[in-house]
Amino acid sequence: MKISTGKFRQLAIAAALSSGLVGVAHSAAIDLTGLTYVNYGDANSYALQVSQVITGNPALNVDSTPGQIKDLIVIATGADGNPVNTNVAGMDDALSTPNGNNSANFFSGVWDSTIAAFSGFLNGMNPLFFFNNNQINSGAGTNQNVAVWAQLSLTGANVDTIFFDFTNRNGKYALFTEGGGGQYLGDVTAYTSTGAGPIAGTNLATDYVLSGGPICLTATDVPVSCSNPAAVQGPINNNLGANQAAYAIDVPELNAFLAKWLAGDLSVAGYTDLHVDLRYGCDPATGVAGQGDCIGRDANNGYEQLFVGTSVPTQVPEPGVLWLLGASMLGMALVVRRKV
């Protein structure tokens, strides 16, 4: 059956309204304009504490206590009880992550949502994925690091799956300032996911990103190795614990897809579902916990979280999107988003 652009737009609006999610996301949208980031495949990672030091913007100190994120989309958490680990209809409840230093040193899980439910929550903003780095803050410096990989996919009937990776691109397991696989201010369009799972590899070559290491800055706020003579600020710690998000992850090509989906673009008409495959800690394919290449990768303290807030779109929406946002505001008066 052939669907017209106008009909698809109506169906997209109806799906968002019926999900009960059209409304204002329960957190202030963050403006990423002018902030520095590191590119990892299809994703741009913003170290929030580094950005806060550079800009002085208190909005970049993102509180991630259960009471603050309970009305957001919580993909994974070590917190117990509702409402923090209960999401609304159309999406899975939060994945349960390790919640103590006696837990497993590796986590892997897949979280699912309809695109209608996910997009409805955003209310015209872009999704911004927040990650807590909650490693042991004592002993060897490597204790504060954890290895992270994630893949987001979009699926539907009779369409090719679209994949977006957060990946070290089989580079050195190290901070980007120490020769790791991240690209400072890199371009997401230079990478295309194959849809494959991560290369666990060794510390010389892996798809797992090093999370949590310290960053230093030059006098002009350029991130550098803390051993660099030009470093004048730092080290800035990125192991911020369970109550403050360490990183904000933006996926620009996902943002573009969702804008098309809302506008009724027929090129995305068949897509209905969104999936997040999250893995962190030392992948069993790498080695044994606490030994060899697992040192500096192991999840050693529990309570890591992945949750979704919003960022301000950087491009002016097309007329179809503006019309849709108007419909969303009307829908906001009819439905109330609530976690139970």
C-alpha atoms as a PDB file:
ATOM      1  CA  MET A   1       0.000   0.000   0.000  1.00  0.00           C
ATOM      2  CA  LYS A   2       1.366   3.387  -0.980  1.00  0.00           C
ATOM      3  CA  ILE A   3       1.164   6.074   1.712  1.00  0.00           C
ATOM      4  CA  SER A   4       1.177   9.754   0.834  1.00  0.00           C
ATOM      5  CA  THR A   5       3.385  12.241   2.691  1.00  0.00           C
ATOM      6  CA  GLY A   6       0.335  13.896   4.221  1.00  0.00           C
ATOM      7  CA  LYS A   7      -1.135  10.564   5.346  1.00  0.00           C
ATOM      8  CA  PHE A   8       2.154   9.451   6.885  1.00  0.00           C
ATOM      9  CA  ARG A   9       2.456  12.745   8.758  1.00  0.00           C
ATOM     10  CA  GLN A  10      -1.042  12.220  10.171  1.00  0.00           C
ATOM     11  CA  LEU A  11      -0.144   8.677  11.217  1.00  0.00           C
ATOM     12  CA  ALA A  12       3.052   9.886  12.925  1.00  0.00           C
ATOM     13  CA  ILE A  13       1.113  12.518  14.881  1.00  0.00           C
ATOM     14  CA  ALA A  14      -1.569  10.017  15.835  1.00  0.00           C
ATOM     15  CA  ALA A  15       1.061   7.567  17.055  1.00  0.00           C
ATOM     16  CA  ALA A  16       2.743  10.227  19.191  1.00  0.00           C
ATOM     17  CA  LEU A  17      -0.570  11.384  20.638  1.00  0.00           C
ATOM     18  CA  SER A  18      -1.800   7.874  21.354  1.00  0.00           C
ATOM     19  CA  SER A  19       1.429   7.086  23.185  1.00  0.00           C
ATOM     20  CA  GLY A  20       0.469   9.641  25.804  1.00  0.00           C
ATOM     21  CA  LEU A  21       3.915  11.178  25.557  1.00  0.00           C
ATOM     22  CA  VAL A  22       3.381  14.392  23.641  1.00  0.00           C
ATOM     23  CA  GLY A  23       4.372  17.140  26.026  1.00  0.00           C
ATOM     24  CA  VAL A  24       7.342  18.888  27.552  1.00  0.00           C
ATOM     25  CA  ALA A  25      10.257  16.684  28.544  1.00  0.00           C
ATOM     26  CA  HIS A  26      10.824  16.905  32.291  1.00  0.00           C
ATOM     27  CA  SER A  27      14.221  18.608  32.150  1.00  0.00           C
ATOM     28  CA  ALA A  28      15.654  21.718  30.572  1.00  0.00           C
ATOM     29  CA  ALA A  29      16.990  21.151  27.060  1.00  0.00           C
ATOM     30  CA  ILE A  30      20.753  21.676  26.901  1.00  0.00           C
ATOM     31  CA  ASP A  31      22.204  23.930  24.224  1.00  0.00           C
ATOM     32  CA  LEU A  32      25.283  22.217  22.777  1.00  0.00           C
ATOM     33  CA  THR A  33      26.207  25.160  20.558  1.00  0.00           C
ATOM     34  CA  GLY A  34      29.902  26.010  20.870  1.00  0.00           C
ATOM     35  CA  LEU A  35      30.729  23.138  23.238  1.00  0.00           C
ATOM     36  CA  THR A  36      33.678  20.901  22.405  1.00  0.00           C
ATOM     37  CA  TYR A  37      33.198  17.185  21.883  1.00  0.00           C
ATOM     38  CA  VAL A  38      34.974  14.007  20.878  1.00  0.00           C
ATOM     39  CA  ASN A  39      33.587  11.957  18.006  1.00  0.00           C
ATOM     40  CA  TYR A  40      33.212   8.187  18.439  1.00  0.00           C
ATOM     41  CA  GLY A  41      31.738   6.772  15.227  1.00  0.00           C
ATOM     42  CA  ASP A  42      28.147   7.995  14.883  1.00  0.00           C
ATOM     43  CA  ALA A  43      28.156   9.761  18.253  1.00  0.00           C
ATOM     44  CA  ASN A  44      29.636  12.936  19.693  1.00  0.00           C
ATOM     45  CA  SER A  45      30.613  12.756  23.370  1.00  0.00           C
ATOM     46  CA  TYR A  46      30.544  15.887  25.530  1.00  0.00           C
ATOM     47  CA  ALA A  47      32.495  15.632  28.800  1.00  0.00           C
ATOM     48  CA  LEU A  48      30.121  17.692  30.928  1.00  0.00           C
ATOM     49  CA  GLN A  49      32.606  18.643  33.641  1.00  0.00           C
ATOM     50  CA  VAL A  50      35.139  19.786  31.032  1.00  0.00           C
ATOM     51  CA  SER A  51      32.458  21.867  29.295  1.00  0.00           C
ATOM     52  CA  GLN A  52      31.377  23.328  32.633  1.00  0.00           C
ATOM     53  CA  VAL A  53      34.954  24.359  33.469  1.00  0.00           C
ATOM     54  CA  ILE A  54      35.319  26.029  30.056  1.00  0.00           C
ATOM     55  CA  THR A  55      31.956  27.819  29.996  1.00  0.00           C
ATOM     56  CA  GLY A  56      31.031  28.212  33.654  1.00  0.00           C
ATOM     57  CA  ASN A  57      27.506  27.133  32.717  1.00  0.00           C
ATOM     58  CA  PRO A  58      25.890  25.475  35.787  1.00  0.00           C
ATOM     59  CA  ALA A  59      23.310  23.763  33.536  1.00  0.00           C
ATOM     60  CA  LEU A  60      26.096  21.361  32.530  1.00  0.00           C
ATOM     61  CA  ASN A  61      26.223  19.951  36.068  1.00  0.00           C
ATOM     62  CA  VAL A  62      23.511  17.377  35.378  1.00  0.00           C
ATOM     63  CA  ASP A  63      21.979  15.912  38.554  1.00  0.00           C
ATOM     64  CA  SER A  64      21.266  12.218  37.996  1.00  0.00           C
ATOM     65  CA  THR A  65      19.784  11.217  41.347  1.00  0.00           C
ATOM     66  CA  PRO A  66      16.646   9.062  41.079  1.00  0.00           C
ATOM     67  CA  GLY A  67      14.429  11.992  42.035  1.00  0.00           C
ATOM     68  CA  GLN A  68      15.833  14.117  39.205  1.00  0.00           C
ATOM     69  CA  ILE A  69      15.685  11.572  36.387  1.00  0.00           C
ATOM     70  CA  LYS A  70      12.474   9.714  37.317  1.00  0.00           C
ATOM     71  CA  ASP A  71      10.463  11.606  34.678  1.00  0.00           C
ATOM     72  CA  LEU A  72      13.041  11.120  31.948  1.00  0.00           C
ATOM     73  CA  ILE A  73      13.563   8.060  29.761  1.00  0.00           C
ATOM     74  CA  VAL A  74      15.771   5.797  31.870  1.00  0.00           C
ATOM     75  CA  ILE A  75      17.414   3.134  29.701  1.00  0.00           C
ATOM     76  CA  ALA A  76      19.595   1.568  32.397  1.00  0.00           C
ATOM     77  CA  THR A  77      20.104   2.132  36.121  1.00  0.00           C
ATOM     78  CA  GLY A  78      21.332   0.385  39.241  1.00  0.00           C
ATOM     79  CA  ALA A  79      18.719   2.179  41.359  1.00  0.00           C
ATOM     80  CA  ASP A  80      15.887   0.098  42.790  1.00  0.00           C
ATOM     81  CA  GLY A  81      12.170   0.818  42.835  1.00  0.00           C
ATOM     82  CA  ASN A  82       9.713   2.994  40.978  1.00  0.00           C
ATOM     83  CA  PRO A  83       9.364   5.460  39.386  1.00  0.00           C
ATOM     84  CA  VAL A  84      13.016   5.816  38.337  1.00  0.00           C
ATOM     85  CA  ASN A  85      13.147   2.422  36.644  1.00  0.00           C
ATOM     86  CA  THR A  86       9.604   2.511  35.209  1.00  0.00           C
ATOM     87  CA  ASN A  87       9.045   4.015  31.759  1.00  0.00           C
ATOM     88  CA  VAL A  88       5.753   4.769  30.053  1.00  0.00           C
ATOM     89  CA  ALA A  89       3.799   2.633  27.602  1.00  0.00           C
ATOM     90  CA  GLY A  90       5.557   1.976  24.311  1.00  0.00           C
ATOM     91  CA  MET A  91       9.018   1.450  25.779  1.00  0.00           C
ATOM     92  CA  ASP A  92      10.770  -1.022  28.040  1.00  0.00           C
ATOM     93  CA  ASP A  93      11.328  -0.266  31.682  1.00  0.00           C
ATOM     94  CA  ALA A  94      14.937   0.467  32.607  1.00  0.00           C
ATOM     95  CA  LEU A  95      17.524  -2.263  32.324  1.00  0.00           C
ATOM     96  CA  SER A  96      18.928  -3.255  35.715  1.00  0.00           C
ATOM     97  CA  THR A  97      22.678  -2.574  35.919  1.00  0.00           C
ATOM     98  CA  PRO A  98      25.113  -3.843  38.599  1.00  0.00           C
ATOM     99  CA  ASN A  99      24.569  -2.009  41.884  1.00  0.00           C
ATOM    100  CA  GLY A 100      27.612  -2.719  43.982  1.00  0.00           C
ATOM    101  CA  ASN A 101      31.345  -3.453  43.839  1.00  0.00           C
ATOM    102  CA  ASN A 102      30.698  -7.156  44.354  1.00  0.00           C
ATOM    103  CA  SER A 103      28.716  -7.348  41.115  1.00  0.00           C
ATOM    104  CA  ALA A 104      29.783  -8.623  37.713  1.00  0.00           C
ATOM    105  CA  ASN A 105      32.545  -6.639  36.019  1.00  0.00           C
ATOM    106  CA  PHE A 106      30.652  -6.562  32.689  1.00  0.00           C
ATOM    107  CA  PHE A 107      27.137  -5.463  31.710  1.00  0.00           C
ATOM    108  CA  SER A 108      25.261  -6.129  28.476  1.00  0.00           C
ATOM    109  CA  GLY A 109      21.596  -5.454  27.702  1.00  0.00           C
ATOM    110  CA  VAL A 110      19.191  -4.355  24.965  1.00  0.00           C
ATOM    111  CA  TRP A 111      16.414  -1.794  25.561  1.00  0.00           C
ATOM    112  CA  ASP A 112      13.491  -1.326  23.151  1.00  0.00           C
ATOM    113  CA  SER A 113      10.985   1.440  22.396  1.00  0.00           C
ATOM    114  CA  THR A 114       8.562   2.422  19.691  1.00  0.00           C
ATOM    115  CA  ILE A 115       9.700   5.464  17.751  1.00  0.00           C
ATOM    116  CA  ALA A 116       6.331   7.072  18.509  1.00  0.00           C
ATOM    117  CA  ALA A 117       6.868   6.805  22.275  1.00  0.00           C
ATOM    118  CA  PHE A 118      10.495   7.915  22.083  1.00  0.00           C
ATOM    119  CA  SER A 119       9.814  10.843  19.758  1.00  0.00           C
ATOM    120  CA  GLY A 120       6.727  11.876  21.700  1.00  0.00           C
ATOM    121  CA  PHE A 121       8.786  12.348  24.850  1.00  0.00           C
ATOM    122  CA  LEU A 122      11.181  14.686  23.045  1.00  0.00           C
ATOM    123  CA  ASN A 123       8.485  17.204  22.072  1.00  0.00           C
ATOM    124  CA  GLY A 124      10.488  18.615  19.165  1.00  0.00           C
ATOM    125  CA  MET A 125      13.878  18.567  20.908  1.00  0.00           C
ATOM    126  CA  ASN A 126      16.800  16.276  20.072  1.00  0.00           C
ATOM    127  CA  PRO A 127      17.541  13.265  22.281  1.00  0.00           C
ATOM    128  CA  LEU A 128      20.627  13.580  24.475  1.00  0.00           C
ATOM    129  CA  PHE A 129      21.948  10.418  26.132  1.00  0.00           C
ATOM    130  CA  PHE A 130      23.533  10.877  29.574  1.00  0.00           C
ATOM    131  CA  PHE A 131      25.965   8.383  31.114  1.00  0.00           C
ATOM    132  CA  ASN A 132      27.174   8.115  34.710  1.00  0.00           C
ATOM    133  CA  ASN A 133      30.771   7.063  35.309  1.00  0.00           C
ATOM    134  CA  ASN A 134      30.659   5.599  38.830  1.00  0.00           C
ATOM    135  CA  GLN A 135      33.963   3.794  39.275  1.00  0.00           C
ATOM    136  CA  ILE A 136      36.070   3.404  42.424  1.00  0.00           C
ATOM    137  CA  ASN A 137      37.685   6.742  43.240  1.00  0.00           C
ATOM    138  CA  SER A 138      40.770   5.412  45.021  1.00  0.00           C
ATOM    139  CA  GLY A 139      43.858   3.339  44.397  1.00  0.00           C
ATOM    140  CA  ALA A 140      45.328   3.132  40.916  1.00  0.00           C
ATOM    141  CA  GLY A 141      44.171   5.738  38.417  1.00  0.00           C
ATOM    142  CA  THR A 142      42.978   2.955  36.120  1.00  0.00           C
ATOM    143  CA  ASN A 143      40.323   2.086  38.724  1.00  0.00           C
ATOM    144  CA  GLN A 144      38.351   5.155  37.610  1.00  0.00           C
ATOM    145  CA  ASN A 145      38.082   4.033  33.978  1.00  0.00           C
ATOM    146  CA  VAL A 146      35.433   1.787  32.424  1.00  0.00           C
ATOM    147  CA  ALA A 147      35.091   0.518  28.848  1.00  0.00           C
ATOM    148  CA  VAL A 148      31.846   1.430  27.046  1.00  0.00           C
ATOM    149  CA  TRP A 149      30.301   0.517  23.688  1.00  0.00           C
ATOM    150  CA  ALA A 150      26.744   1.089  22.451  1.00  0.00           C
ATOM    151  CA  GLN A 151      24.727   0.606  19.288  1.00  0.00           C
ATOM    152  CA  LEU A 152      21.360   2.184  18.495  1.00  0.00           C
ATOM    153  CA  SER A 153      19.236   0.633  15.745  1.00  0.00           C
ATOM    154  CA  LEU A 154      16.005   1.564  13.953  1.00  0.00           C
ATOM    155  CA  THR A 155      13.779  -1.174  12.568  1.00  0.00           C
ATOM    156  CA  GLY A 156      10.436  -1.750  10.881  1.00  0.00           C
ATOM    157  CA  ALA A 157       8.595  -4.009   8.469  1.00  0.00           C
ATOM    158  CA  ASN A 158      10.176  -4.364   5.012  1.00  0.00           C
ATOM    159  CA  VAL A 159      12.904  -1.766   5.636  1.00  0.00           C
ATOM    160  CA  ASP A 160      16.655  -2.062   6.089  1.00  0.00           C
ATOM    161  CA  THR A 161      17.818  -1.684   9.683  1.00  0.00           C
ATOM    162  CA  ILE A 162      19.682   1.568  10.377  1.00  0.00           C
ATOM    163  CA  PHE A 163      22.569   1.376  12.866  1.00  0.00           C
ATOM    164  CA  PHE A 164      24.365   4.095  14.843  1.00  0.00           C
ATOM    165  CA  ASP A 165      27.474   3.152  16.841  1.00  0.00           C
ATOM    166  CA  PHE A 166      29.235   4.661  19.830  1.00  0.00           C
ATOM    167  CA  THR A 167      32.612   3.112  19.111  1.00  0.00           C
ATOM    168  CA  ASN A 168      36.351   3.512  19.503  1.00  0.00           C
ATOM    169  CA  ARG A 169      36.666   2.320  15.882  1.00  0.00           C
ATOM    170  CA  ASN A 170      39.151  -0.421  16.766  1.00  0.00           C
ATOM    171  CA  GLY A 171      41.583   2.171  18.038  1.00  0.00           C
ATOM    172  CA  LYS A 172      43.873   2.259  21.050  1.00  0.00           C
ATOM    173  CA  TYR A 173      42.052   1.926  24.383  1.00  0.00           C
ATOM    174  CA  ALA A 174      43.027   5.334  25.746  1.00  0.00           C
ATOM    175  CA  LEU A 175      41.780   8.880  26.113  1.00  0.00           C
ATOM    176  CA  PHE A 176      41.737  10.756  22.812  1.00  0.00           C
ATOM    177  CA  THR A 177      44.404  13.033  24.316  1.00  0.00           C
ATOM    178  CA  GLU A 178      46.601   9.944  24.745  1.00  0.00           C
ATOM    179  CA  GLY A 179      46.174   8.543  21.225  1.00  0.00           C
ATOM    180  CA  GLY A 180      42.823   6.772  21.716  1.00  0.00           C
ATOM    181  CA  GLY A 181      40.286   6.134  18.969  1.00  0.00           C
ATOM    182  CA  GLY A 182      38.197   9.271  19.508  1.00  0.00           C
ATOM    183  CA  GLN A 183      38.416  12.207  17.099  1.00  0.00           C
ATOM    184  CA  TYR A 184      38.389  15.697  18.666  1.00  0.00           C
ATOM    185  CA  LEU A 185      35.632  17.694  16.901  1.00  0.00           C
ATOM    186  CA  GLY A 186      35.331  14.822  14.408  1.00  0.00           C
ATOM    187  CA  ASP A 187      32.653  14.345  11.747  1.00  0.00           C
ATOM    188  CA  VAL A 188      29.966  11.675  12.202  1.00  0.00           C
ATOM    189  CA  THR A 189      29.472  11.434   8.422  1.00  0.00           C
ATOM    190  CA  ALA A 190      32.993   9.992   8.098  1.00  0.00           C
ATOM    191  CA  TYR A 191      31.797   6.777   9.756  1.00  0.00           C
ATOM    192  CA  THR A 192      29.183   4.219   8.663  1.00  0.00           C
ATOM    193  CA  SER A 193      28.146   1.344  10.902  1.00  0.00           C
ATOM    194  CA  THR A 194      28.130  -2.186   9.494  1.00  0.00           C
ATOM    195  CA  GLY A 195      25.694  -3.304  12.182  1.00  0.00           C
ATOM    196  CA  ALA A 196      28.255  -5.675  13.682  1.00  0.00           C
ATOM    197  CA  GLY A 197      28.829  -6.055  17.396  1.00  0.00           C
ATOM    198  CA  PRO A 198      31.930  -4.657  19.092  1.00  0.00           C
ATOM    199  CA  ILE A 199      35.492  -5.803  18.594  1.00  0.00           C
ATOM    200  CA  ALA A 200      36.536  -6.568  22.173  1.00  0.00           C
ATOM    201  CA  GLY A 201      40.188  -6.716  21.176  1.00  0.00           C
ATOM    202  CA  THR A 202      43.121  -5.667  23.323  1.00  0.00           C
ATOM    203  CA  ASN A 203      44.173  -2.291  24.696  1.00  0.00           C
ATOM    204  CA  LEU A 204      46.010  -1.711  21.421  1.00  0.00           C
ATOM    205  CA  ALA A 205      42.859  -2.085  19.296  1.00  0.00           C
ATOM    206  CA  THR A 206      39.231  -2.201  20.461  1.00  0.00           C
ATOM    207  CA  ASP A 207      35.771  -0.802  19.775  1.00  0.00           C
ATOM    208  CA  TYR A 208      35.293  -0.070  23.477  1.00  0.00           C
ATOM    209  CA  VAL A 209      35.655   3.599  24.460  1.00  0.00           C
ATOM    210  CA  LEU A 210      37.604   4.561  27.586  1.00  0.00           C
ATOM    211  CA  SER A 211      35.249   6.446  29.904  1.00  0.00           C
ATOM    212  CA  GLY A 212      36.267   8.362  33.005  1.00  0.00           C
ATOM    213  CA  GLY A 213      39.878   9.443  32.478  1.00  0.00           C
ATOM    214  CA  PRO A 214      41.131  12.921  33.487  1.00  0.00           C
ATOM    215  CA  ILE A 215      41.444  15.742  30.947  1.00  0.00           C
ATOM    216  CA  CYS A 216      43.648  18.844  31.058  1.00  0.00           C
ATOM    217  CA  LEU A 217      43.268  22.113  29.122  1.00  0.00           C
ATOM    218  CA  THR A 218      45.627  24.611  27.522  1.00  0.00           C
ATOM    219  CA  ALA A 219      45.318  28.350  28.116  1.00  0.00           C
ATOM    220  CA  THR A 220      42.960  28.465  25.116  1.00  0.00           C
ATOM    221  CA  ASP A 221      40.798  25.613  26.491  1.00  0.00           C
ATOM    222  CA  VAL A 222      42.038  22.940  24.101  1.00  0.00           C
ATOM    223  CA  PRO A 223      41.971  19.458  25.712  1.00  0.00           C
ATOM    224  CA  VAL A 224      45.439  17.899  25.985  1.00  0.00           C
ATOM    225  CA  SER A 225      47.245  15.178  27.872  1.00  0.00           C
ATOM    226  CA  CYS A 226      47.902  16.178  31.462  1.00  0.00           C
ATOM    227  CA  SER A 227      51.589  15.410  30.795  1.00  0.00           C
ATOM    228  CA  ASN A 228      51.663  18.031  28.033  1.00  0.00           C
ATOM    229  CA  PRO A 229      53.718  21.125  29.035  1.00  0.00           C
ATOM    230  CA  ALA A 230      50.963  23.314  27.573  1.00  0.00           C
ATOM    231  CA  ALA A 231      48.426  22.027  30.113  1.00  0.00           C
ATOM    232  CA  VAL A 232      47.507  24.810  32.539  1.00  0.00           C
ATOM    233  CA  GLN A 233      44.103  23.613  33.824  1.00  0.00           C
ATOM    234  CA  GLY A 234      43.304  20.242  35.336  1.00  0.00           C
ATOM    235  CA  PRO A 235      43.302  17.397  35.726  1.00  0.00           C
ATOM    236  CA  ILE A 236      39.518  17.557  35.324  1.00  0.00           C
ATOM    237  CA  ASN A 237      37.951  14.410  36.728  1.00  0.00           C
ATOM    238  CA  ASN A 238      35.277  12.606  34.690  1.00  0.00           C
ATOM    239  CA  ASN A 239      34.555   9.880  37.251  1.00  0.00           C
ATOM    240  CA  LEU A 240      31.708  11.874  38.797  1.00  0.00           C
ATOM    241  CA  GLY A 241      29.747   9.156  40.562  1.00  0.00           C
ATOM    242  CA  ALA A 242      26.144   7.980  40.548  1.00  0.00           C
ATOM    243  CA  ASN A 243      24.566  11.364  41.259  1.00  0.00           C
ATOM    244  CA  GLN A 244      26.085  13.467  38.467  1.00  0.00           C
ATOM    245  CA  ALA A 245      26.161  12.602  34.772  1.00  0.00           C
ATOM    246  CA  ALA A 246      29.687  12.548  33.370  1.00  0.00           C
ATOM    247  CA  TYR A 247      28.954  12.543  29.639  1.00  0.00           C
ATOM    248  CA  ALA A 248      26.263  13.707  27.233  1.00  0.00           C
ATOM    249  CA  ILE A 249      26.125  11.752  23.969  1.00  0.00           C
ATOM    250  CA  ASP A 250      24.601  13.322  20.871  1.00  0.00           C
ATOM    251  CA  VAL A 251      23.788  11.290  17.732  1.00  0.00           C
ATOM    252  CA  PRO A 252      23.324  13.885  14.933  1.00  0.00           C
ATOM    253  CA  GLU A 253      22.158  11.407  12.283  1.00  0.00           C
ATOM    254  CA  LEU A 254      19.510  10.047  14.665  1.00  0.00           C
ATOM    255  CA  ASN A 255      18.353  13.633  15.203  1.00  0.00           C
ATOM    256  CA  ALA A 256      18.000  14.051  11.447  1.00  0.00           C
ATOM    257  CA  PHE A 257      16.076  10.774  11.171  1.00  0.00           C
ATOM    258  CA  LEU A 258      13.615  11.767  13.898  1.00  0.00           C
ATOM    259  CA  ALA A 259      13.036  15.157  12.259  1.00  0.00           C
ATOM    260  CA  LYS A 260      12.182  13.369   9.008  1.00  0.00           C
ATOM    261  CA  TRP A 261       9.937  10.908  10.833  1.00  0.00           C
ATOM    262  CA  LEU A 262       7.978  13.733  12.463  1.00  0.00           C
ATOM    263  CA  ALA A 263       7.737  15.641   9.197  1.00  0.00           C
ATOM    264  CA  GLY A 264       6.159  12.638   7.473  1.00  0.00           C
ATOM    265  CA  ASP A 265       9.070  12.024   5.113  1.00  0.00           C
ATOM    266  CA  LEU A 266       8.219   8.889   3.133  1.00  0.00           C
ATOM    267  CA  SER A 267      11.855   7.759   3.155  1.00  0.00           C
ATOM    268  CA  VAL A 268      11.410   6.743   6.822  1.00  0.00           C
ATOM    269  CA  ALA A 269       7.733   5.728   6.657  1.00  0.00           C
ATOM    270  CA  GLY A 270       8.335   2.048   7.412  1.00  0.00           C
ATOM    271  CA  TYR A 271      10.326   2.516  10.621  1.00  0.00           C
ATOM    272  CA  THR A 272       8.504   1.817  13.865  1.00  0.00           C
ATOM    273  CA  ASP A 273      10.966   0.755  16.570  1.00  0.00           C
ATOM    274  CA  LEU A 274      14.179   1.874  18.257  1.00  0.00           C
ATOM    275  CA  HIS A 275      16.666  -0.319  20.129  1.00  0.00           C
ATOM    276  CA  VAL A 276      19.693   0.448  22.332  1.00  0.00           C
ATOM    277  CA  ASP A 277      22.383  -2.200  22.841  1.00  0.00           C
ATOM    278  CA  LEU A 278      24.539  -1.090  25.801  1.00  0.00           C
ATOM    279  CA  ARG A 279      27.709  -2.845  26.941  1.00  0.00           C
ATOM    280  CA  TYR A 280      30.267  -1.684  29.499  1.00  0.00           C
ATOM    281  CA  GLY A 281      33.015  -3.168  31.628  1.00  0.00           C
ATOM    282  CA  CYS A 282      35.495  -5.760  30.447  1.00  0.00           C
ATOM    283  CA  ASP A 283      34.031  -7.836  27.621  1.00  0.00           C
ATOM    284  CA  PRO A 284      34.669 -11.538  28.386  1.00  0.00           C
ATOM    285  CA  ALA A 285      36.246 -11.809  24.932  1.00  0.00           C
ATOM    286  CA  THR A 286      39.022  -9.486  26.133  1.00  0.00           C
ATOM    287  CA  GLY A 287      40.160 -11.446  29.155  1.00  0.00           C
ATOM    288  CA  VAL A 288      39.725 -12.158  32.846  1.00  0.00           C
ATOM    289  CA  ALA A 289      38.432  -9.553  35.292  1.00  0.00           C
ATOM    290  CA  GLY A 290      41.180  -7.634  37.057  1.00  0.00           C
ATOM    291  CA  GLN A 291      43.928  -9.040  34.860  1.00  0.00           C
ATOM    292  CA  GLY A 292      45.817  -7.996  31.726  1.00  0.00           C
ATOM    293  CA  ASP A 293      43.794  -5.919  29.294  1.00  0.00           C
ATOM    294  CA  CYS A 294      40.790  -5.947  31.654  1.00  0.00           C
ATOM    295  CA  ILE A 295      42.628  -3.600  34.027  1.00  0.00           C
ATOM    296  CA  GLY A 296      41.123  -0.169  33.433  1.00  0.00           C
ATOM    297  CA  ARG A 297      38.073  -1.686  31.703  1.00  0.00           C
ATOM    298  CA  ASP A 298      36.283  -3.525  34.518  1.00  0.00           C
ATOM    299  CA  ALA A 299      33.056  -2.121  35.969  1.00  0.00           C
ATOM    300  CA  ASN A 300      34.084  -2.102  39.625  1.00  0.00           C
ATOM    301  CA  ASN A 301      31.554  -0.058  41.593  1.00  0.00           C
ATOM    302  CA  GLY A 302      28.077  -0.457  40.088  1.00  0.00           C
ATOM    303  CA  TYR A 303      25.248   2.071  39.680  1.00  0.00           C
ATOM    304  CA  GLU A 304      26.189   3.256  36.195  1.00  0.00           C
ATOM    305  CA  GLN A 305      23.184   4.812  34.434  1.00  0.00           C
ATOM    306  CA  LEU A 306      22.112   5.680  30.893  1.00  0.00           C
ATOM    307  CA  PHE A 307      19.159   8.032  30.553  1.00  0.00           C
ATOM    308  CA  VAL A 308      17.724  10.373  27.946  1.00  0.00           C
ATOM    309  CA  GLY A 309      17.147  14.106  28.217  1.00  0.00           C
ATOM    310  CA  THR A 310      17.011  16.669  25.430  1.00  0.00           C
ATOM    311  CA  SER A 311      19.145  19.171  23.569  1.00  0.00           C
ATOM    312  CA  VAL A 312      18.123  22.177  21.520  1.00  0.00           C
ATOM    313  CA  PRO A 313      17.937  21.489  17.763  1.00  0.00           C
ATOM    314  CA  THR A 314      20.687  23.340  15.911  1.00  0.00           C
ATOM    315  CA  GLN A 315      18.718  23.684  12.684  1.00  0.00           C
ATOM    316  CA  VAL A 316      15.474  25.522  12.014  1.00  0.00           C
ATOM    317  CA  PRO A 317      12.675  22.945  11.534  1.00  0.00           C
ATOM    318  CA  GLU A 318      10.994  22.645   8.166  1.00  0.00           C
ATOM    319  CA  PRO A 319       7.400  23.933   7.887  1.00  0.00           C
ATOM    320  CA  GLY A 320       6.024  20.405   8.294  1.00  0.00           C
ATOM    321  CA  VAL A 321       7.895  20.035  11.576  1.00  0.00           C
ATOM    322  CA  LEU A 322       6.656  23.423  12.810  1.00  0.00           C
ATOM    323  CA  TRP A 323       3.095  22.355  12.018  1.00  0.00           C
ATOM    324  CA  LEU A 324       3.683  19.113  13.908  1.00  0.00           C
ATOM    325  CA  LEU A 325       5.028  20.961  16.933  1.00  0.00           C
ATOM    326  CA  GLY A 326       1.860  23.029  16.951  1.00  0.00           C
ATOM    327  CA  ALA A 327      -0.138  19.814  17.022  1.00  0.00           C
ATOM    328  CA  SER A 328       2.073  18.579  19.846  1.00  0.00           C
ATOM    329  CA  MET A 329       1.300  21.661  21.925  1.00  0.00           C
ATOM    330  CA  LEU A 330      -2.398  21.016  21.375  1.00  0.00           C
ATOM    331  CA  GLY A 331      -1.895  17.414  22.421  1.00  0.00           C
ATOM    332  CA  MET A 332      -0.067  18.560  25.542  1.00  0.00           C
ATOM    333  CA  ALA A 333      -3.305  20.055  26.801  1.00  0.00           C
ATOM    334  CA  LEU A 334      -5.023  16.699  26.335  1.00  0.00           C
ATOM    335  CA  VAL A 335      -2.552  14.282  27.844  1.00  0.00           C
ATOM    336  CA  VAL A 336      -0.229  14.243  30.819  1.00  0.00           C
ATOM    337  CA  ARG A 337       2.913  12.199  30.788  1.00  0.00           C
ATOM    338  CA  ARG A 338       3.209  10.262  34.015  1.00  0.00           C
ATOM    339  CA  LYS A 339       5.277   7.427  35.409  1.00  0.00           C
ATOM    340  CA  VAL A 340       3.514   5.031  37.739  1.00  0.00           C
END
